Protein backbone atom coordinates (compact mmCIF):
# COMPACT_ATOMS: atom_id res chain seq x y z
CA UNK A 1 9.61 -30.92 -27.88
CA UNK A 2 6.91 -28.24 -27.67
CA UNK A 3 6.43 -26.85 -24.17
CA UNK A 4 2.88 -26.81 -22.84
CA UNK A 5 2.24 -23.19 -22.00
CA UNK A 6 -0.15 -21.81 -19.43
CA UNK A 7 -3.65 -21.08 -20.78
CA UNK A 8 -4.39 -18.22 -18.40
CA UNK A 9 -4.08 -14.71 -19.80
CA UNK A 10 -1.66 -12.74 -17.60
CA UNK A 11 -0.89 -9.04 -17.36
CA UNK A 12 2.29 -7.45 -16.05
CA UNK A 13 1.94 -3.90 -14.74
CA UNK A 14 5.30 -2.15 -14.44
CA UNK A 15 5.81 1.18 -12.66
CA UNK A 16 8.19 3.48 -14.55
CA UNK A 17 9.58 6.69 -13.10
CA UNK A 18 12.77 8.00 -14.74
CA UNK A 19 13.67 4.41 -15.63
CA UNK A 20 15.51 4.94 -18.90
CA UNK A 21 18.68 3.15 -17.75
CA UNK A 22 16.92 0.06 -16.39
CA UNK A 23 13.65 -0.40 -18.28
CA UNK A 24 15.16 -2.23 -21.26
CA UNK A 25 16.86 -4.93 -19.20
CA UNK A 26 13.85 -5.31 -16.92
CA UNK A 27 11.34 -5.64 -19.76
CA UNK A 28 13.59 -8.20 -21.43
CA UNK A 29 13.48 -10.32 -18.27
CA UNK A 30 9.70 -10.03 -17.87
CA UNK A 31 8.89 -10.44 -21.57
CA UNK A 32 11.08 -13.50 -22.09
CA UNK A 33 9.67 -15.19 -18.99
CA UNK A 34 6.06 -14.56 -19.97
CA UNK A 35 6.61 -15.43 -23.63
CA UNK A 36 8.21 -18.74 -22.69
CA UNK A 37 5.50 -19.77 -20.22
CA UNK A 38 2.18 -18.24 -21.37
CA UNK A 39 0.21 -18.43 -24.58
CA UNK A 40 -1.32 -14.97 -24.03
CA UNK A 41 0.04 -12.06 -22.04
CA UNK A 42 0.32 -8.29 -22.00
CA UNK A 43 2.72 -5.81 -20.48
CA UNK A 44 1.51 -2.43 -19.23
CA UNK A 45 4.13 0.21 -18.43
CA UNK A 46 2.82 3.08 -16.30
CA UNK A 47 4.99 6.08 -17.10
CA UNK A 48 4.61 8.33 -14.06
CA UNK A 49 5.60 11.60 -15.74
CA UNK A 50 9.21 10.55 -16.38
CA UNK A 51 11.62 13.23 -17.58
CA UNK A 52 14.55 11.11 -18.78
CA UNK A 53 13.33 9.48 -22.00
CA UNK A 54 11.78 6.39 -20.41
CA UNK A 55 9.10 6.10 -23.11
CA UNK A 56 11.73 6.29 -25.85
CA UNK A 57 13.60 3.45 -24.15
CA UNK A 58 10.39 1.40 -24.08
CA UNK A 59 9.86 2.02 -27.81
CA UNK A 60 13.45 0.99 -28.49
CA UNK A 61 12.85 -2.23 -26.58
CA UNK A 62 9.72 -3.00 -28.62
CA UNK A 63 11.55 -2.44 -31.89
CA UNK A 64 14.31 -4.84 -30.87
CA UNK A 65 12.12 -7.57 -29.34
CA UNK A 66 8.99 -9.58 -30.08
CA UNK A 67 6.27 -8.62 -27.62
CA UNK A 68 2.71 -9.97 -27.68
CA UNK A 69 1.19 -6.74 -26.37
CA UNK A 70 2.74 -3.73 -24.68
CA UNK A 71 0.87 -0.61 -23.61
CA UNK A 72 2.24 2.59 -22.10
CA UNK A 73 0.02 4.57 -19.73
CA UNK A 74 1.21 8.16 -19.43
CA UNK A 75 0.05 10.05 -16.34
CA UNK A 76 -0.82 13.73 -16.67
CA UNK A 77 1.44 14.64 -13.77
CA UNK A 78 3.32 12.81 -11.04
CA UNK A 79 0.87 10.48 -9.30
CA UNK A 80 3.08 8.45 -7.00
CA UNK A 81 3.55 4.69 -6.97
CA UNK A 82 0.22 3.61 -5.50
CA UNK A 83 -2.05 5.73 -7.69
CA UNK A 84 -0.04 5.03 -10.83
CA UNK A 85 -0.15 1.28 -10.27
CA UNK A 86 -3.91 1.38 -9.77
CA UNK A 87 -4.17 3.15 -13.15
CA UNK A 88 -2.32 0.25 -14.76
CA UNK A 89 -4.32 -2.32 -12.82
CA UNK A 90 -7.60 -0.82 -14.06
CA UNK A 91 -6.47 -1.26 -17.66
CA UNK A 92 -5.11 -4.79 -17.23
CA UNK A 93 -7.40 -7.56 -18.51
CA UNK A 94 -5.43 -10.63 -17.40
CA UNK A 95 -6.81 -13.51 -15.38
CA UNK A 96 -3.78 -12.90 -13.17
CA UNK A 97 -1.88 -9.63 -12.87
CA UNK A 98 1.77 -9.24 -11.90
CA UNK A 99 2.61 -5.96 -10.18
CA UNK A 100 6.18 -4.69 -10.42
CA UNK A 101 6.78 -1.57 -8.34
CA UNK A 102 10.24 -0.97 -9.79
CA UNK A 103 12.24 -1.65 -12.93
CA UNK A 104 15.25 -2.73 -10.89
CA UNK A 105 15.06 -6.46 -10.34
CA UNK A 106 17.00 -8.28 -7.64
CA UNK A 107 15.41 -11.67 -8.35
CA UNK A 108 15.94 -14.53 -10.77
CA UNK A 109 13.41 -14.65 -13.66
CA UNK A 110 12.17 -18.00 -12.36
CA UNK A 111 10.79 -16.19 -9.32
CA UNK A 112 8.06 -14.76 -11.55
CA UNK A 113 6.82 -18.25 -12.27
CA UNK A 114 7.27 -19.35 -8.67
CA UNK A 115 4.76 -16.84 -7.34
CA UNK A 116 2.42 -17.57 -10.24
CA UNK A 117 2.43 -21.30 -9.42
CA UNK A 118 1.85 -20.43 -5.79
CA UNK A 119 -1.26 -18.56 -6.88
CA UNK A 120 -2.46 -21.71 -8.68
CA UNK A 121 -2.59 -23.45 -5.30
CA UNK A 122 -5.62 -21.43 -4.26
CA UNK A 123 -3.95 -18.15 -3.27
CA UNK A 124 -5.51 -15.02 -4.76
CA UNK A 125 -2.58 -12.82 -3.75
CA UNK A 126 1.05 -13.90 -3.60
CA UNK A 127 3.90 -11.61 -2.54
CA UNK A 128 7.57 -12.02 -3.42
CA UNK A 129 9.44 -11.11 -0.23
CA UNK A 130 13.22 -10.54 -0.26
CA UNK A 131 15.29 -12.03 2.56
CA UNK A 132 17.15 -8.96 3.68
CA UNK A 133 17.55 -6.69 6.67
CA UNK A 134 15.12 -3.77 6.82
CA UNK A 135 15.84 -0.17 7.64
CA UNK A 136 14.94 0.94 11.16
CA UNK A 137 12.12 3.12 9.80
CA UNK A 138 10.65 0.19 7.83
CA UNK A 139 10.88 -2.11 10.85
CA UNK A 140 9.06 0.45 12.98
CA UNK A 141 6.32 0.96 10.39
CA UNK A 142 5.64 -2.74 9.79
CA UNK A 143 5.77 -3.45 13.50
CA UNK A 144 3.16 -0.77 14.25
CA UNK A 145 1.02 -1.71 11.27
CA UNK A 146 0.92 -5.43 12.04
CA UNK A 147 0.40 -4.78 15.75
CA UNK A 148 -2.64 -2.54 15.31
CA UNK A 149 -4.08 -3.84 12.04
CA UNK A 150 -7.23 -5.93 12.16
CA UNK A 151 -6.08 -8.05 9.21
CA UNK A 152 -5.04 -11.64 9.89
CA UNK A 153 -2.27 -11.36 7.29
CA UNK A 154 0.94 -9.57 8.24
CA UNK A 155 2.68 -7.34 5.73
CA UNK A 156 6.36 -6.73 5.13
CA UNK A 157 8.70 -5.54 2.38
CA UNK A 158 7.47 -6.85 -0.98
CA UNK A 159 9.37 -6.64 -4.26
CA UNK A 160 6.54 -7.69 -6.59
CA UNK A 161 3.31 -9.66 -6.47
CA UNK A 162 0.60 -11.43 -8.44
CA UNK A 163 -3.14 -11.05 -7.86
CA UNK A 164 -5.95 -13.09 -9.37
CA UNK A 165 -8.92 -11.59 -11.22
CA UNK A 166 -11.09 -12.73 -8.31
CA UNK A 167 -8.82 -10.78 -5.97
CA UNK A 168 -9.02 -7.68 -8.17
CA UNK A 169 -12.80 -7.91 -8.32
CA UNK A 170 -12.99 -8.36 -4.55
CA UNK A 171 -10.87 -5.25 -3.93
CA UNK A 172 -12.97 -3.20 -6.33
CA UNK A 173 -16.20 -4.45 -4.75
CA UNK A 174 -14.98 -3.27 -1.35
CA UNK A 175 -15.54 0.28 -2.62
CA UNK A 176 -12.50 1.75 -0.90
CA UNK A 177 -9.80 4.03 -2.22
CA UNK A 178 -6.71 1.89 -2.56
CA UNK A 179 -4.27 4.10 -0.71
CA UNK A 180 -1.92 1.21 0.08
CA UNK A 181 -2.30 -1.91 -2.06
CA UNK A 182 -0.55 -4.33 0.27
CA UNK A 183 -2.85 -3.38 3.13
CA UNK A 184 -6.00 -3.69 1.01
CA UNK A 185 -4.92 -7.06 -0.41
CA UNK A 186 -4.10 -8.36 3.06
CA UNK A 187 -7.54 -7.35 4.35
CA UNK A 188 -9.65 -8.42 1.33
CA UNK A 189 -10.60 -11.71 2.98
CA UNK A 190 -9.16 -13.97 0.26
CA UNK A 191 -6.20 -16.37 0.62
CA UNK A 192 -2.87 -14.51 0.72
CA UNK A 193 0.58 -16.11 0.60
CA UNK A 194 4.19 -15.09 0.16
CA UNK A 195 7.41 -16.62 -1.08
CA UNK A 196 10.77 -15.54 0.28
CA UNK A 197 13.82 -15.34 -1.94
CA UNK A 198 17.45 -14.35 -1.59
CA UNK A 199 18.22 -11.19 -3.61
CA UNK A 200 20.81 -11.75 -6.32
CA UNK A 201 22.08 -8.19 -5.93
CA UNK A 202 22.31 -5.81 -3.00
CA UNK A 203 21.64 -2.12 -2.70
CA UNK A 204 19.95 -1.85 -6.08
CA UNK A 205 16.34 -1.21 -5.09
CA UNK A 206 14.99 2.04 -6.48
CA UNK A 207 14.68 4.75 -3.85
CA UNK A 208 11.33 6.45 -3.58
CA UNK A 209 10.69 10.03 -2.55
CA UNK A 210 11.16 10.25 1.23
CA UNK A 211 8.29 12.67 1.75
CA UNK A 212 5.95 10.45 -0.28
CA UNK A 213 6.97 7.41 1.77
CA UNK A 214 6.33 9.25 5.02
CA UNK A 215 2.90 10.41 3.90
CA UNK A 216 2.02 6.90 2.70
CA UNK A 217 3.13 5.37 6.01
CA UNK A 218 1.15 7.88 8.06
CA UNK A 219 -1.96 7.58 5.89
CA UNK A 220 -1.78 3.78 5.99
CA UNK A 221 -1.51 3.70 9.77
CA UNK A 222 -4.51 6.02 10.06
CA UNK A 223 -6.69 4.26 7.49
CA UNK A 224 -5.84 0.60 7.95
CA UNK A 225 -5.11 0.35 11.68
CA UNK A 226 -6.71 1.63 14.86
CA UNK A 227 -3.47 3.00 16.28
CA UNK A 228 -4.66 6.61 16.05
CA UNK A 229 -7.91 5.83 17.83
CA UNK A 230 -6.19 3.82 20.56
CA UNK A 231 -3.59 6.51 21.26
CA UNK A 232 -6.21 9.25 21.28
CA UNK A 233 -8.55 7.22 23.47
CA UNK A 234 -5.72 6.40 25.90
CA UNK A 235 -4.81 10.09 26.18
CA UNK A 236 -8.48 10.96 26.68
CA UNK A 237 -8.80 8.42 29.50
CA UNK A 238 -5.57 9.68 31.08
CA UNK A 239 -6.71 13.30 30.99
CA UNK A 240 -10.11 12.30 32.37
CA UNK A 241 -8.45 10.54 35.31
CA UNK A 242 -6.30 13.60 35.97
CA UNK A 243 -9.35 15.86 35.92
CA UNK A 244 -11.33 13.58 38.26
CA UNK A 245 -8.33 13.54 40.60
CA UNK A 246 -8.24 17.36 40.44
CA UNK A 247 -11.93 17.44 41.36
CA UNK A 248 -11.37 15.12 44.33
CA UNK A 249 -8.39 17.22 45.42
CA UNK A 250 -10.50 20.37 45.20
CA UNK A 251 -13.19 18.90 47.44
CA UNK A 252 -10.55 17.70 49.92
CA UNK A 253 -9.00 21.15 50.10
CA UNK A 254 -12.43 22.69 50.65
CA UNK A 255 -13.05 20.57 53.76
CA UNK A 256 -9.53 20.44 55.17
CA UNK A 257 -8.21 23.94 54.48
CA UNK A 258 -9.39 27.47 54.01
CA UNK A 259 -9.28 28.14 50.26
CA UNK A 260 -9.81 31.55 48.68
CA UNK A 261 -13.48 32.36 48.14
CA UNK A 262 -14.67 31.01 44.78
CA UNK A 263 -11.60 28.81 44.24
CA UNK A 264 -13.45 25.58 44.98
CA UNK A 265 -16.33 26.39 42.64
CA UNK A 266 -13.98 27.44 39.85
CA UNK A 267 -11.85 24.32 40.13
CA UNK A 268 -14.86 21.98 40.25
CA UNK A 269 -16.44 23.59 37.20
CA UNK A 270 -13.15 23.40 35.29
CA UNK A 271 -12.42 19.81 36.33
CA UNK A 272 -15.79 18.30 35.53
CA UNK A 273 -16.32 20.57 32.54
CA UNK A 274 -13.09 19.38 30.91
CA UNK A 275 -13.87 15.81 31.99
CA UNK A 276 -17.14 16.00 30.05
CA UNK A 277 -15.31 17.52 27.10
CA UNK A 278 -12.83 14.64 26.93
CA UNK A 279 -15.62 12.09 27.17
CA UNK A 280 -17.32 13.76 24.21
CA UNK A 281 -14.01 13.77 22.33
CA UNK A 282 -13.72 10.02 22.88
CA UNK A 283 -17.06 9.50 21.12
CA UNK A 284 -16.08 11.93 18.34
CA UNK A 285 -12.83 10.06 17.75
CA UNK A 286 -14.70 6.78 17.51
CA UNK A 287 -17.13 8.21 14.96
CA UNK A 288 -14.25 9.66 12.93
CA UNK A 289 -12.48 6.29 12.89
CA UNK A 290 -15.66 4.65 11.59
CA UNK A 291 -16.04 7.31 8.88
CA UNK A 292 -12.44 6.82 7.76
CA UNK A 293 -13.05 3.10 7.43
CA UNK A 294 -16.21 3.62 5.39
CA UNK A 295 -15.39 6.49 3.05
CA UNK A 296 -12.58 6.77 0.50
CA UNK A 297 -14.01 9.01 -2.16
CA UNK A 298 -12.24 11.02 -4.85
CA UNK A 299 -10.75 9.69 -8.09
CA UNK A 300 -7.32 8.23 -7.57
CA UNK A 301 -5.37 9.04 -10.71
CA UNK A 302 -5.31 11.26 -13.81
CA UNK A 303 -4.18 9.85 -17.17
CA UNK A 304 -2.97 11.99 -20.03
CA UNK A 305 -2.88 9.28 -22.74
CA UNK A 306 -2.68 5.56 -23.43
CA UNK A 307 -0.32 4.44 -26.20
CA UNK A 308 -0.68 0.95 -27.65
CA UNK A 309 2.81 0.13 -28.92
CA UNK A 310 2.26 -3.49 -29.95
CA UNK A 311 -0.83 -5.48 -30.95
């Protein structure tokens, strides 16, 4: 009996960073799943300046397996996960695009089709979310992000995802620099869903550079939430109250005691002068927050070459 395959063209963008030991097994899983279920598909491996023979391992996989289309995008230098994945996303031509942030899979192959079918129910973005305990740092980040984000969709740890062409076009039309894909997808205004699954292995998720993760977390909180503005504004209000209280205290001392000549004038000028300064800073902070929300400018990634391995 011939299986009726999906008519949609799908792309799978896979992030590769020193993935020689895992890329073959991972591509086998993705390729077999897509080949079995789709008439047309492509795989795009983004090689983020690997130094362990990752590309050679990809070539070995292609020689040993039948692949409809596989392309390797080689970055000029280390770009980081987010920028590298956007490079692959820009090249992808599928009606739906799978995004795999790692070549270490802790899910059953069927999960790939589960999130795809979820997208067919009217969801432009579907996340595959592992049921597992999070690190304290991750819990803190997601808690702060979801608390102060203006998006109606909450974000959490995601292993991989699928996004529709409409979703991709919407994100591009927003004209923002995609610093953090999950945050942009969650705030694009289109239907977003997630499917939870129980990981089949534990402790196998690829570890990313700690410094890069910290910078991404800080940048995301600044760009996609108003936590920075709220903290700054709260401190500004607090300091303003303190300065007004100092001014009132100065006047009280002037009438009830015998201060040193010039002390009252000096304290009043300092109190109300700094009060005015903090009020101005409050407006400046608000304008800066608006500018950050409106402007994400420079080019995100730099590609050295694109190698079409299969046709």
